[in-house]
Amino acid sequence: QSPYQCTVCMKSFSSSSNLLQHQRSHATKKTYKCMQCGKSFSRISALTQHQAVHRGERIFECSNCGDRFTRSSSLILHGKTHEGEKPFVCTQCSRRFSRASELVAH
């Protein structure tokens, strides 16, 4: 788990600056709306980043291995595999895996 957590929505962040930027989203009017799904954002840059998900663009790149992801949350989860964490758990036997593909193969 990341050390910085939003007290409003409980989302976790790896740095205090990312948490601070996120917390502003709770207080700011969300005026930028995605025409595809209706989700609203307080910054045009956040909307632009979100729209890349609809296009299937993998804009989030892992600095360790170069793997790319459509969502920042997927990159964060992937990053845990480089730290030795095993966030993917089998619901049948509780065995843990570092990658989702390993869990599926299991």
PDB file of N, CA and C in Angstrom:
ATOM      1  N   GLN A   1       0.837  -1.183   0.000  1.00  0.00           N
ATOM      2  CA  GLN A   1       0.000   0.000   0.000  1.00  0.00           C
ATOM      3  C   GLN A   1       0.879   1.242   0.000  1.00  0.00           C
ATOM      4  N   SER A   2       0.471   2.245  -0.751  1.00  0.00           N
ATOM      5  CA  SER A   2       1.224   3.485  -0.824  1.00  0.00           C
ATOM      6  C   SER A   2       1.072   4.253   0.482  1.00  0.00           C
ATOM      7  N   PRO A   3       2.096   5.017   0.856  1.00  0.00           N
ATOM      8  CA  PRO A   3       2.094   5.670   2.167  1.00  0.00           C
ATOM      9  C   PRO A   3       1.191   6.890   2.311  1.00  0.00           C
ATOM     10  N   TYR A   4       0.727   7.468   1.212  1.00  0.00           N
ATOM     11  CA  TYR A   4      -0.091   8.672   1.284  1.00  0.00           C
ATOM     12  C   TYR A   4      -1.512   8.351   0.837  1.00  0.00           C
ATOM     13  N   GLN A   5      -2.486   8.546   1.751  1.00  0.00           N
ATOM     14  CA  GLN A   5      -3.861   8.154   1.458  1.00  0.00           C
ATOM     15  C   GLN A   5      -4.804   9.335   1.606  1.00  0.00           C
ATOM     16  N   CYS A   6      -5.710   9.470   0.641  1.00  0.00           N
ATOM     17  CA  CYS A   6      -6.723  10.516   0.665  1.00  0.00           C
ATOM     18  C   CYS A   6      -7.762  10.163   1.727  1.00  0.00           C
ATOM     19  N   THR A   7      -8.056  11.109   2.610  1.00  0.00           N
ATOM     20  CA  THR A   7      -9.022  10.857   3.680  1.00  0.00           C
ATOM     21  C   THR A   7     -10.469  10.946   3.187  1.00  0.00           C
ATOM     22  N   VAL A   8     -10.670  11.479   1.987  1.00  0.00           N
ATOM     23  CA  VAL A   8     -12.019  11.603   1.432  1.00  0.00           C
ATOM     24  C   VAL A   8     -12.457  10.307   0.752  1.00  0.00           C
ATOM     25  N   CYS A   9     -11.594   9.765  -0.117  1.00  0.00           N
ATOM     26  CA  CYS A   9     -11.987   8.586  -0.897  1.00  0.00           C
ATOM     27  C   CYS A   9     -11.109   7.361  -0.636  1.00  0.00           C
ATOM     28  N   MET A  10     -10.104   7.500   0.215  1.00  0.00           N
ATOM     29  CA  MET A  10      -9.198   6.411   0.619  1.00  0.00           C
ATOM     30  C   MET A  10      -8.263   5.936  -0.498  1.00  0.00           C
ATOM     31  N   LYS A  11      -8.151   6.675  -1.584  1.00  0.00           N
ATOM     32  CA  LYS A  11      -7.222   6.317  -2.659  1.00  0.00           C
ATOM     33  C   LYS A  11      -5.797   6.582  -2.172  1.00  0.00           C
ATOM     34  N   SER A  12      -4.862   5.698  -2.536  1.00  0.00           N
ATOM     35  CA  SER A  12      -3.480   5.804  -2.068  1.00  0.00           C
ATOM     36  C   SER A  12      -2.563   6.344  -3.154  1.00  0.00           C
ATOM     37  N   PHE A  13      -1.506   7.034  -2.710  1.00  0.00           N
ATOM     38  CA  PHE A  13      -0.543   7.635  -3.623  1.00  0.00           C
ATOM     39  C   PHE A  13       0.868   7.405  -3.118  1.00  0.00           C
ATOM     40  N   SER A  14       1.814   7.399  -4.058  1.00  0.00           N
ATOM     41  CA  SER A  14       3.204   7.114  -3.706  1.00  0.00           C
ATOM     42  C   SER A  14       3.955   8.346  -3.223  1.00  0.00           C
ATOM     43  N   SER A  15       3.404   9.537  -3.465  1.00  0.00           N
ATOM     44  CA  SER A  15       4.084  10.755  -3.012  1.00  0.00           C
ATOM     45  C   SER A  15       3.068  11.753  -2.468  1.00  0.00           C
ATOM     46  N   SER A  16       3.547  12.637  -1.608  1.00  0.00           N
ATOM     47  CA  SER A  16       2.660  13.640  -1.017  1.00  0.00           C
ATOM     48  C   SER A  16       2.183  14.633  -2.073  1.00  0.00           C
ATOM     49  N   SER A  17       3.022  14.917  -3.080  1.00  0.00           N
ATOM     50  CA  SER A  17       2.609  15.859  -4.124  1.00  0.00           C
ATOM     51  C   SER A  17       1.475  15.282  -4.975  1.00  0.00           C
ATOM     52  N   ASN A  18       1.516  13.976  -5.243  1.00  0.00           N
ATOM     53  CA  ASN A  18       0.420  13.343  -5.985  1.00  0.00           C
ATOM     54  C   ASN A  18      -0.863  13.352  -5.163  1.00  0.00           C
ATOM     55  N   LEU A  19      -0.742  13.125  -3.859  1.00  0.00           N
ATOM     56  CA  LEU A  19      -1.909  13.171  -2.975  1.00  0.00           C
ATOM     57  C   LEU A  19      -2.505  14.573  -2.966  1.00  0.00           C
ATOM     58  N   LEU A  20      -1.655  15.587  -2.849  1.00  0.00           N
ATOM     59  CA  LEU A  20      -2.129  16.967  -2.813  1.00  0.00           C
ATOM     60  C   LEU A  20      -2.862  17.326  -4.104  1.00  0.00           C
ATOM     61  N   GLN A  21      -2.297  16.943  -5.231  1.00  0.00           N
ATOM     62  CA  GLN A  21      -2.938  17.207  -6.519  1.00  0.00           C
ATOM     63  C   GLN A  21      -4.296  16.504  -6.590  1.00  0.00           C
ATOM     64  N   HIS A  22      -4.359  15.269  -6.109  1.00  0.00           N
ATOM     65  CA  HIS A  22      -5.614  14.516  -6.097  1.00  0.00           C
ATOM     66  C   HIS A  22      -6.648  15.181  -5.189  1.00  0.00           C
ATOM     67  N   GLN A  23      -6.229  15.622  -4.002  1.00  0.00           N
ATOM     68  CA  GLN A  23      -7.163  16.209  -3.042  1.00  0.00           C
ATOM     69  C   GLN A  23      -7.833  17.455  -3.605  1.00  0.00           C
ATOM     70  N   ARG A  24      -7.137  18.164  -4.466  1.00  0.00           N
ATOM     71  CA  ARG A  24      -7.735  19.343  -5.098  1.00  0.00           C
ATOM     72  C   ARG A  24      -8.944  18.957  -5.944  1.00  0.00           C
ATOM     73  N   SER A  25      -8.940  17.737  -6.462  1.00  0.00           N
ATOM     74  CA  SER A  25     -10.053  17.302  -7.317  1.00  0.00           C
ATOM     75  C   SER A  25     -11.355  17.190  -6.530  1.00  0.00           C
ATOM     76  N   HIS A  26     -11.266  16.967  -5.231  1.00  0.00           N
ATOM     77  CA  HIS A  26     -12.475  16.874  -4.413  1.00  0.00           C
ATOM     78  C   HIS A  26     -13.096  18.250  -4.183  1.00  0.00           C
ATOM     79  N   ALA A  27     -12.261  19.292  -4.200  1.00  0.00           N
ATOM     80  CA  ALA A  27     -12.744  20.635  -3.904  1.00  0.00           C
ATOM     81  C   ALA A  27     -13.029  21.453  -5.160  1.00  0.00           C
ATOM     82  N   THR A  28     -12.548  20.996  -6.295  1.00  0.00           N
ATOM     83  CA  THR A  28     -12.666  21.753  -7.537  1.00  0.00           C
ATOM     84  C   THR A  28     -13.880  21.294  -8.342  1.00  0.00           C
ATOM     85  N   LYS A  29     -14.522  22.257  -8.966  1.00  0.00           N
ATOM     86  CA  LYS A  29     -15.661  21.939  -9.825  1.00  0.00           C
ATOM     87  C   LYS A  29     -15.167  21.161 -11.044  1.00  0.00           C
ATOM     88  N   LYS A  30     -15.853  20.083 -11.360  1.00  0.00           N
ATOM     89  CA  LYS A  30     -15.459  19.232 -12.481  1.00  0.00           C
ATOM     90  C   LYS A  30     -16.216  19.674 -13.731  1.00  0.00           C
ATOM     91  N   THR A  31     -15.554  20.508 -14.517  1.00  0.00           N
ATOM     92  CA  THR A  31     -16.221  21.117 -15.664  1.00  0.00           C
ATOM     93  C   THR A  31     -15.901  20.453 -16.998  1.00  0.00           C
ATOM     94  N   TYR A  32     -14.944  19.542 -17.022  1.00  0.00           N
ATOM     95  CA  TYR A  32     -14.554  18.881 -18.275  1.00  0.00           C
ATOM     96  C   TYR A  32     -15.145  17.477 -18.304  1.00  0.00           C
ATOM     97  N   LYS A  33     -16.085  17.258 -19.216  1.00  0.00           N
ATOM     98  CA  LYS A  33     -16.830  16.002 -19.253  1.00  0.00           C
ATOM     99  C   LYS A  33     -16.452  15.163 -20.469  1.00  0.00           C
ATOM    100  N   CYS A  34     -16.256  13.877 -20.241  1.00  0.00           N
ATOM    101  CA  CYS A  34     -15.977  12.937 -21.323  1.00  0.00           C
ATOM    102  C   CYS A  34     -17.287  12.659 -22.054  1.00  0.00           C
ATOM    103  N   MET A  35     -17.308  12.902 -23.341  1.00  0.00           N
ATOM    104  CA  MET A  35     -18.525  12.706 -24.125  1.00  0.00           C
ATOM    105  C   MET A  35     -18.804  11.226 -24.380  1.00  0.00           C
ATOM    106  N   GLN A  36     -17.808  10.380 -24.127  1.00  0.00           N
ATOM    107  CA  GLN A  36     -17.999   8.954 -24.373  1.00  0.00           C
ATOM    108  C   GLN A  36     -18.661   8.234 -23.200  1.00  0.00           C
ATOM    109  N   CYS A  37     -18.259   8.587 -21.975  1.00  0.00           N
ATOM    110  CA  CYS A  37     -18.788   7.859 -20.817  1.00  0.00           C
ATOM    111  C   CYS A  37     -19.443   8.754 -19.771  1.00  0.00           C
ATOM    112  N   GLY A  38     -19.286  10.071 -19.898  1.00  0.00           N
ATOM    113  CA  GLY A  38     -19.930  10.984 -18.972  1.00  0.00           C
ATOM    114  C   GLY A  38     -19.131  11.340 -17.731  1.00  0.00           C
ATOM    115  N   LYS A  39     -17.965  10.745 -17.552  1.00  0.00           N
ATOM    116  CA  LYS A  39     -17.143  11.043 -16.381  1.00  0.00           C
ATOM    117  C   LYS A  39     -16.615  12.473 -16.492  1.00  0.00           C
ATOM    118  N   SER A  40     -16.594  13.190 -15.355  1.00  0.00           N
ATOM    119  CA  SER A  40     -16.173  14.590 -15.356  1.00  0.00           C
ATOM    120  C   SER A  40     -14.847  14.776 -14.634  1.00  0.00           C
ATOM    121  N   PHE A  41     -14.123  15.819 -15.050  1.00  0.00           N
ATOM    122  CA  PHE A  41     -12.801  16.102 -14.503  1.00  0.00           C
ATOM    123  C   PHE A  41     -12.646  17.588 -14.227  1.00  0.00           C
ATOM    124  N   SER A  42     -11.778  17.914 -13.284  1.00  0.00           N
ATOM    125  CA  SER A  42     -11.543  19.309 -12.932  1.00  0.00           C
ATOM    126  C   SER A  42     -10.459  19.944 -13.804  1.00  0.00           C
ATOM    127  N   ARG A  43      -9.639  19.124 -14.473  1.00  0.00           N
ATOM    128  CA  ARG A  43      -8.567  19.639 -15.323  1.00  0.00           C
ATOM    129  C   ARG A  43      -8.697  19.045 -16.727  1.00  0.00           C
ATOM    130  N   ILE A  44      -8.441  19.868 -17.737  1.00  0.00           N
ATOM    131  CA  ILE A  44      -8.501  19.390 -19.122  1.00  0.00           C
ATOM    132  C   ILE A  44      -7.448  18.310 -19.357  1.00  0.00           C
ATOM    133  N   SER A  45      -6.313  18.422 -18.683  1.00  0.00           N
ATOM    134  CA  SER A  45      -5.258  17.413 -18.849  1.00  0.00           C
ATOM    135  C   SER A  45      -5.722  16.050 -18.336  1.00  0.00           C
ATOM    136  N   ALA A  46      -6.506  16.051 -17.277  1.00  0.00           N
ATOM    137  CA  ALA A  46      -7.029  14.789 -16.738  1.00  0.00           C
ATOM    138  C   ALA A  46      -8.044  14.179 -17.703  1.00  0.00           C
ATOM    139  N   LEU A  47      -8.868  15.024 -18.317  1.00  0.00           N
ATOM    140  CA  LEU A  47      -9.823  14.531 -19.314  1.00  0.00           C
ATOM    141  C   LEU A  47      -9.084  13.939 -20.514  1.00  0.00           C
ATOM    142  N   THR A  48      -8.068  14.636 -20.984  1.00  0.00           N
ATOM    143  CA  THR A  48      -7.287  14.159 -22.131  1.00  0.00           C
ATOM    144  C   THR A  48      -6.651  12.812 -21.823  1.00  0.00           C
ATOM    145  N   GLN A  49      -6.102  12.699 -20.622  1.00  0.00           N
ATOM    146  CA  GLN A  49      -5.487  11.437 -20.195  1.00  0.00           C
ATOM    147  C   GLN A  49      -6.538  10.329 -20.120  1.00  0.00           C
ATOM    148  N   HIS A  50      -7.705  10.651 -19.598  1.00  0.00           N
ATOM    149  CA  HIS A  50      -8.799   9.691 -19.498  1.00  0.00           C
ATOM    150  C   HIS A  50      -9.253   9.222 -20.881  1.00  0.00           C
ATOM    151  N   GLN A  51      -9.356  10.131 -21.821  1.00  0.00           N
ATOM    152  CA  GLN A  51      -9.833   9.781 -23.160  1.00  0.00           C
ATOM    153  C   GLN A  51      -8.896   8.798 -23.856  1.00  0.00           C
ATOM    154  N   ALA A  52      -7.626   8.806 -23.489  1.00  0.00           N
ATOM    155  CA  ALA A  52      -6.664   7.862 -24.064  1.00  0.00           C
ATOM    156  C   ALA A  52      -7.059   6.427 -23.722  1.00  0.00           C
ATOM    157  N   VAL A  53      -7.714   6.239 -22.573  1.00  0.00           N
ATOM    158  CA  VAL A  53      -8.178   4.904 -22.175  1.00  0.00           C
ATOM    159  C   VAL A  53      -9.214   4.396 -23.176  1.00  0.00           C
ATOM    160  N   HIS A  54     -10.137   5.269 -23.581  1.00  0.00           N
ATOM    161  CA  HIS A  54     -11.163   4.877 -24.553  1.00  0.00           C
ATOM    162  C   HIS A  54     -10.546   4.491 -25.896  1.00  0.00           C
ATOM    163  N   ARG A  55      -9.443   5.137 -26.228  1.00  0.00           N
ATOM    164  CA  ARG A  55      -8.766   4.839 -27.500  1.00  0.00           C
ATOM    165  C   ARG A  55      -7.821   3.646 -27.375  1.00  0.00           C
ATOM    166  N   GLY A  56      -7.666   3.128 -26.167  1.00  0.00           N
ATOM    167  CA  GLY A  56      -6.785   1.984 -25.959  1.00  0.00           C
ATOM    168  C   GLY A  56      -5.311   2.333 -25.971  1.00  0.00           C
ATOM    169  N   GLU A  57      -4.993   3.612 -25.822  1.00  0.00           N
ATOM    170  CA  GLU A  57      -3.596   4.040 -25.829  1.00  0.00           C
ATOM    171  C   GLU A  57      -2.929   3.671 -24.507  1.00  0.00           C
ATOM    172  N   ARG A  58      -1.750   3.142 -24.596  1.00  0.00           N
ATOM    173  CA  ARG A  58      -0.982   2.758 -23.408  1.00  0.00           C
ATOM    174  C   ARG A  58       0.026   3.864 -23.111  1.00  0.00           C
ATOM    175  N   ILE A  59      -0.429   4.891 -22.379  1.00  0.00           N
ATOM    176  CA  ILE A  59       0.403   6.070 -22.159  1.00  0.00           C
ATOM    177  C   ILE A  59       1.223   6.014 -20.877  1.00  0.00           C
ATOM    178  N   PHE A  60       0.946   5.046 -20.015  1.00  0.00           N
ATOM    179  CA  PHE A  60       1.679   4.932 -18.753  1.00  0.00           C
ATOM    180  C   PHE A  60       2.760   3.871 -18.892  1.00  0.00           C
ATOM    181  N   GLU A  61       4.029   4.297 -18.813  1.00  0.00           N
ATOM    182  CA  GLU A  61       5.153   3.389 -19.052  1.00  0.00           C
ATOM    183  C   GLU A  61       5.919   3.095 -17.769  1.00  0.00           C
ATOM    184  N   CYS A  62       6.226   1.822 -17.565  1.00  0.00           N
ATOM    185  CA  CYS A  62       7.010   1.393 -16.414  1.00  0.00           C
ATOM    186  C   CYS A  62       8.468   1.790 -16.637  1.00  0.00           C
ATOM    187  N   SER A  63       9.039   2.509 -15.685  1.00  0.00           N
ATOM    188  CA  SER A  63      10.429   2.950 -15.816  1.00  0.00           C
ATOM    189  C   SER A  63      11.413   1.805 -15.599  1.00  0.00           C
ATOM    190  N   ASN A  64      10.954   0.701 -15.034  1.00  0.00           N
ATOM    191  CA  ASN A  64      11.833  -0.446 -14.795  1.00  0.00           C
ATOM    192  C   ASN A  64      11.973  -1.350 -16.012  1.00  0.00           C
ATOM    193  N   CYS A  65      10.863  -1.625 -16.698  1.00  0.00           N
ATOM    194  CA  CYS A  65      10.916  -2.625 -17.774  1.00  0.00           C
ATOM    195  C   CYS A  65      10.353  -2.149 -19.110  1.00  0.00           C
ATOM    196  N   GLY A  66       9.713  -0.983 -19.130  1.00  0.00           N
ATOM    197  CA  GLY A  66       9.182  -0.463 -20.383  1.00  0.00           C
ATOM    198  C   GLY A  66       7.777  -0.911 -20.733  1.00  0.00           C
ATOM    199  N   ASP A  67       7.178  -1.805 -19.934  1.00  0.00           N
ATOM    200  CA  ASP A  67       5.791  -2.206 -20.185  1.00  0.00           C
ATOM    201  C   ASP A  67       4.904  -0.966 -20.130  1.00  0.00           C
ATOM    202  N   ARG A  68       3.851  -0.956 -20.939  1.00  0.00           N
ATOM    203  CA  ARG A  68       2.973   0.204 -21.006  1.00  0.00           C
ATOM    204  C   ARG A  68       1.544  -0.201 -20.662  1.00  0.00           C
ATOM    205  N   PHE A  69       0.795   0.766 -20.091  1.00  0.00           N
ATOM    206  CA  PHE A  69      -0.555   0.498 -19.609  1.00  0.00           C
ATOM    207  C   PHE A  69      -1.496   1.637 -19.982  1.00  0.00           C
ATOM    208  N   THR A  70      -2.789   1.313 -20.071  1.00  0.00           N
ATOM    209  CA  THR A  70      -3.792   2.324 -20.393  1.00  0.00           C
ATOM    210  C   THR A  70      -4.192   3.131 -19.162  1.00  0.00           C
ATOM    211  N   ARG A  71      -4.024   2.566 -17.991  1.00  0.00           N
ATOM    212  CA  ARG A  71      -4.433   3.236 -16.751  1.00  0.00           C
ATOM    213  C   ARG A  71      -3.263   3.350 -15.779  1.00  0.00           C
ATOM    214  N   SER A  72      -3.230   4.471 -15.051  1.00  0.00           N
ATOM    215  CA  SER A  72      -2.165   4.663 -14.063  1.00  0.00           C
ATOM    216  C   SER A  72      -2.274   3.625 -12.952  1.00  0.00           C
ATOM    217  N   SER A  73      -3.501   3.236 -12.616  1.00  0.00           N
ATOM    218  CA  SER A  73      -3.683   2.240 -11.552  1.00  0.00           C
ATOM    219  C   SER A  73      -3.078   0.894 -11.954  1.00  0.00           C
ATOM    220  N   SER A  74      -3.144   0.566 -13.235  1.00  0.00           N
ATOM    221  CA  SER A  74      -2.535  -0.681 -13.716  1.00  0.00           C
ATOM    222  C   SER A  74      -1.019  -0.609 -13.630  1.00  0.00           C
ATOM    223  N   LEU A  75      -0.464   0.560 -13.931  1.00  0.00           N
ATOM    224  CA  LEU A  75       0.986   0.745 -13.820  1.00  0.00           C
ATOM    225  C   LEU A  75       1.428   0.621 -12.368  1.00  0.00           C
ATOM    226  N   ILE A  76       0.671   1.201 -11.453  1.00  0.00           N
ATOM    227  CA  ILE A  76       1.011   1.124 -10.027  1.00  0.00           C
ATOM    228  C   ILE A  76       0.980  -0.326  -9.561  1.00  0.00           C
ATOM    229  N   LEU A  77      -0.051  -1.053  -9.945  1.00  0.00           N
ATOM    230  CA  LEU A  77      -0.150  -2.463  -9.573  1.00  0.00           C
ATOM    231  C   LEU A  77       1.002  -3.259 -10.181  1.00  0.00           C
ATOM    232  N   HIS A  78       1.326  -2.985 -11.431  1.00  0.00           N
ATOM    233  CA  HIS A  78       2.451  -3.638 -12.098  1.00  0.00           C
ATOM    234  C   HIS A  78       3.761  -3.340 -11.368  1.00  0.00           C
ATOM    235  N   GLY A  79       3.928  -2.103 -10.926  1.00  0.00           N
ATOM    236  CA  GLY A  79       5.156  -1.704 -10.239  1.00  0.00           C
ATOM    237  C   GLY A  79       5.428  -2.533  -9.001  1.00  0.00           C
ATOM    238  N   LYS A  80       4.388  -3.011  -8.368  1.00  0.00           N
ATOM    239  CA  LYS A  80       4.544  -3.836  -7.170  1.00  0.00           C
ATOM    240  C   LYS A  80       5.271  -5.141  -7.483  1.00  0.00           C
ATOM    241  N   THR A  81       5.170  -5.615  -8.733  1.00  0.00           N
ATOM    242  CA  THR A  81       5.866  -6.852  -9.095  1.00  0.00           C
ATOM    243  C   THR A  81       7.377  -6.650  -9.073  1.00  0.00           C
ATOM    244  N   HIS A  82       7.829  -5.440  -9.365  1.00  0.00           N
ATOM    245  CA  HIS A  82       9.263  -5.144  -9.329  1.00  0.00           C
ATOM    246  C   HIS A  82       9.764  -5.029  -7.891  1.00  0.00           C
ATOM    247  N   GLU A  83       8.855  -4.755  -6.979  1.00  0.00           N
ATOM    248  CA  GLU A  83       9.210  -4.617  -5.563  1.00  0.00           C
ATOM    249  C   GLU A  83       9.090  -5.941  -4.825  1.00  0.00           C
ATOM    250  N   GLY A  84       8.773  -7.001  -5.553  1.00  0.00           N
ATOM    251  CA  GLY A  84       8.658  -8.324  -4.941  1.00  0.00           C
ATOM    252  C   GLY A  84       7.298  -8.618  -4.344  1.00  0.00           C
ATOM    253  N   GLU A  85       6.352  -7.695  -4.486  1.00  0.00           N
ATOM    254  CA  GLU A  85       5.016  -7.928  -3.940  1.00  0.00           C
ATOM    255  C   GLU A  85       4.243  -8.890  -4.838  1.00  0.00           C
ATOM    256  N   LYS A  86       3.296  -9.573  -4.242  1.00  0.00           N
ATOM    257  CA  LYS A  86       2.443 -10.511  -4.977  1.00  0.00           C
ATOM    258  C   LYS A  86       0.980 -10.165  -4.698  1.00  0.00           C
ATOM    259  N   PRO A  87       0.455  -9.170  -5.435  1.00  0.00           N
ATOM    260  CA  PRO A  87      -0.900  -8.678  -5.150  1.00  0.00           C
ATOM    261  C   PRO A  87      -2.042  -9.527  -5.698  1.00  0.00           C
ATOM    262  N   PHE A  88      -1.743 -10.518  -6.540  1.00  0.00           N
ATOM    263  CA  PHE A  88      -2.797 -11.331  -7.152  1.00  0.00           C
ATOM    264  C   PHE A  88      -2.963 -12.631  -6.372  1.00  0.00           C
ATOM    265  N   VAL A  89      -4.159 -12.831  -5.805  1.00  0.00           N
ATOM    266  CA  VAL A  89      -4.402 -13.956  -4.904  1.00  0.00           C
ATOM    267  C   VAL A  89      -5.456 -14.897  -5.485  1.00  0.00           C
ATOM    268  N   CYS A  90      -5.168 -16.192  -5.458  1.00  0.00           N
ATOM    269  CA  CYS A  90      -6.121 -17.210  -5.893  1.00  0.00           C
ATOM    270  C   CYS A  90      -7.206 -17.341  -4.827  1.00  0.00           C
ATOM    271  N   THR A  91      -8.459 -17.233  -5.234  1.00  0.00           N
ATOM    272  CA  THR A  91      -9.567 -17.331  -4.280  1.00  0.00           C
ATOM    273  C   THR A  91      -9.805 -18.766  -3.816  1.00  0.00           C
ATOM    274  N   GLN A  92      -9.243 -19.733  -4.526  1.00  0.00           N
ATOM    275  CA  GLN A  92      -9.432 -21.143  -4.170  1.00  0.00           C
ATOM    276  C   GLN A  92      -8.421 -21.629  -3.130  1.00  0.00           C
ATOM    277  N   CYS A  93      -7.149 -21.254  -3.315  1.00  0.00           N
ATOM    278  CA  CYS A  93      -6.106 -21.806  -2.438  1.00  0.00           C
ATOM    279  C   CYS A  93      -5.273 -20.743  -1.716  1.00  0.00           C
ATOM    280  N   SER A  94      -5.538 -19.473  -1.969  1.00  0.00           N
ATOM    281  CA  SER A  94      -4.845 -18.340  -1.346  1.00  0.00           C
ATOM    282  C   SER A  94      -3.394 -18.170  -1.789  1.00  0.00           C
ATOM    283  N   ARG A  95      -2.966 -18.900  -2.807  1.00  0.00           N
ATOM    284  CA  ARG A  95      -1.616 -18.725  -3.329  1.00  0.00           C
ATOM    285  C   ARG A  95      -1.526 -17.351  -3.981  1.00  0.00           C
ATOM    286  N   ARG A  96      -0.371 -16.693  -3.813  1.00  0.00           N
ATOM    287  CA  ARG A  96      -0.185 -15.337  -4.308  1.00  0.00           C
ATOM    288  C   ARG A  96       0.747 -15.322  -5.520  1.00  0.00           C
ATOM    289  N   PHE A  97       0.496 -14.363  -6.421  1.00  0.00           N
ATOM    290  CA  PHE A  97       1.285 -14.234  -7.639  1.00  0.00           C
ATOM    291  C   PHE A  97       1.642 -12.773  -7.872  1.00  0.00           C
ATOM    292  N   SER A  98       2.770 -12.559  -8.529  1.00  0.00           N
ATOM    293  CA  SER A  98       3.199 -11.190  -8.809  1.00  0.00           C
ATOM    294  C   SER A  98       2.552 -10.636 -10.078  1.00  0.00           C
ATOM    295  N   ARG A  99       2.062 -11.500 -10.939  1.00  0.00           N
ATOM    296  CA  ARG A  99       1.436 -11.068 -12.194  1.00  0.00           C
ATOM    297  C   ARG A  99       0.049 -11.707 -12.358  1.00  0.00           C
ATOM    298  N   ALA A 100      -0.858 -10.947 -12.955  1.00  0.00           N
ATOM    299  CA  ALA A 100      -2.215 -11.450 -13.195  1.00  0.00           C
ATOM    300  C   ALA A 100      -2.183 -12.662 -14.118  1.00  0.00           C
ATOM    301  N   SER A 101      -1.289 -12.647 -15.092  1.00  0.00           N
ATOM    302  CA  SER A 101      -1.204 -13.766 -16.039  1.00  0.00           C
ATOM    303  C   SER A 101      -0.797 -15.062 -15.339  1.00  0.00           C
ATOM    304  N   GLU A 102       0.036 -14.950 -14.297  1.00  0.00           N
ATOM    305  CA  GLU A 102       0.437 -16.136 -13.534  1.00  0.00           C
ATOM    306  C   GLU A 102      -0.756 -16.712 -12.777  1.00  0.00           C
ATOM    307  N   LEU A 103      -1.584 -15.823 -12.225  1.00  0.00           N
ATOM    308  CA  LEU A 103      -2.781 -16.266 -11.508  1.00  0.00           C
ATOM    309  C   LEU A 103      -3.740 -16.964 -12.468  1.00  0.00           C
ATOM    310  N   VAL A 104      -3.951 -16.392 -13.642  1.00  0.00           N
ATOM    311  CA  VAL A 104      -4.855 -16.986 -14.630  1.00  0.00           C
ATOM    312  C   VAL A 104      -4.348 -18.361 -15.053  1.00  0.00           C
ATOM    313  N   ALA A 105      -3.043 -18.481 -15.287  1.00  0.00           N
ATOM    314  CA  ALA A 105      -2.460 -19.766 -15.692  1.00  0.00           C
ATOM    315  C   ALA A 105      -2.594 -20.811 -14.587  1.00  0.00           C
ATOM    316  N   HIS A 106      -2.521 -20.357 -13.342  1.00  0.00           N
ATOM    317  CA  HIS A 106      -2.640 -21.251 -12.184  1.00  0.00           C
ATOM    318  C   HIS A 106      -4.039 -21.843 -12.130  1.00  0.00           C
TER     319      HIS A 106
END
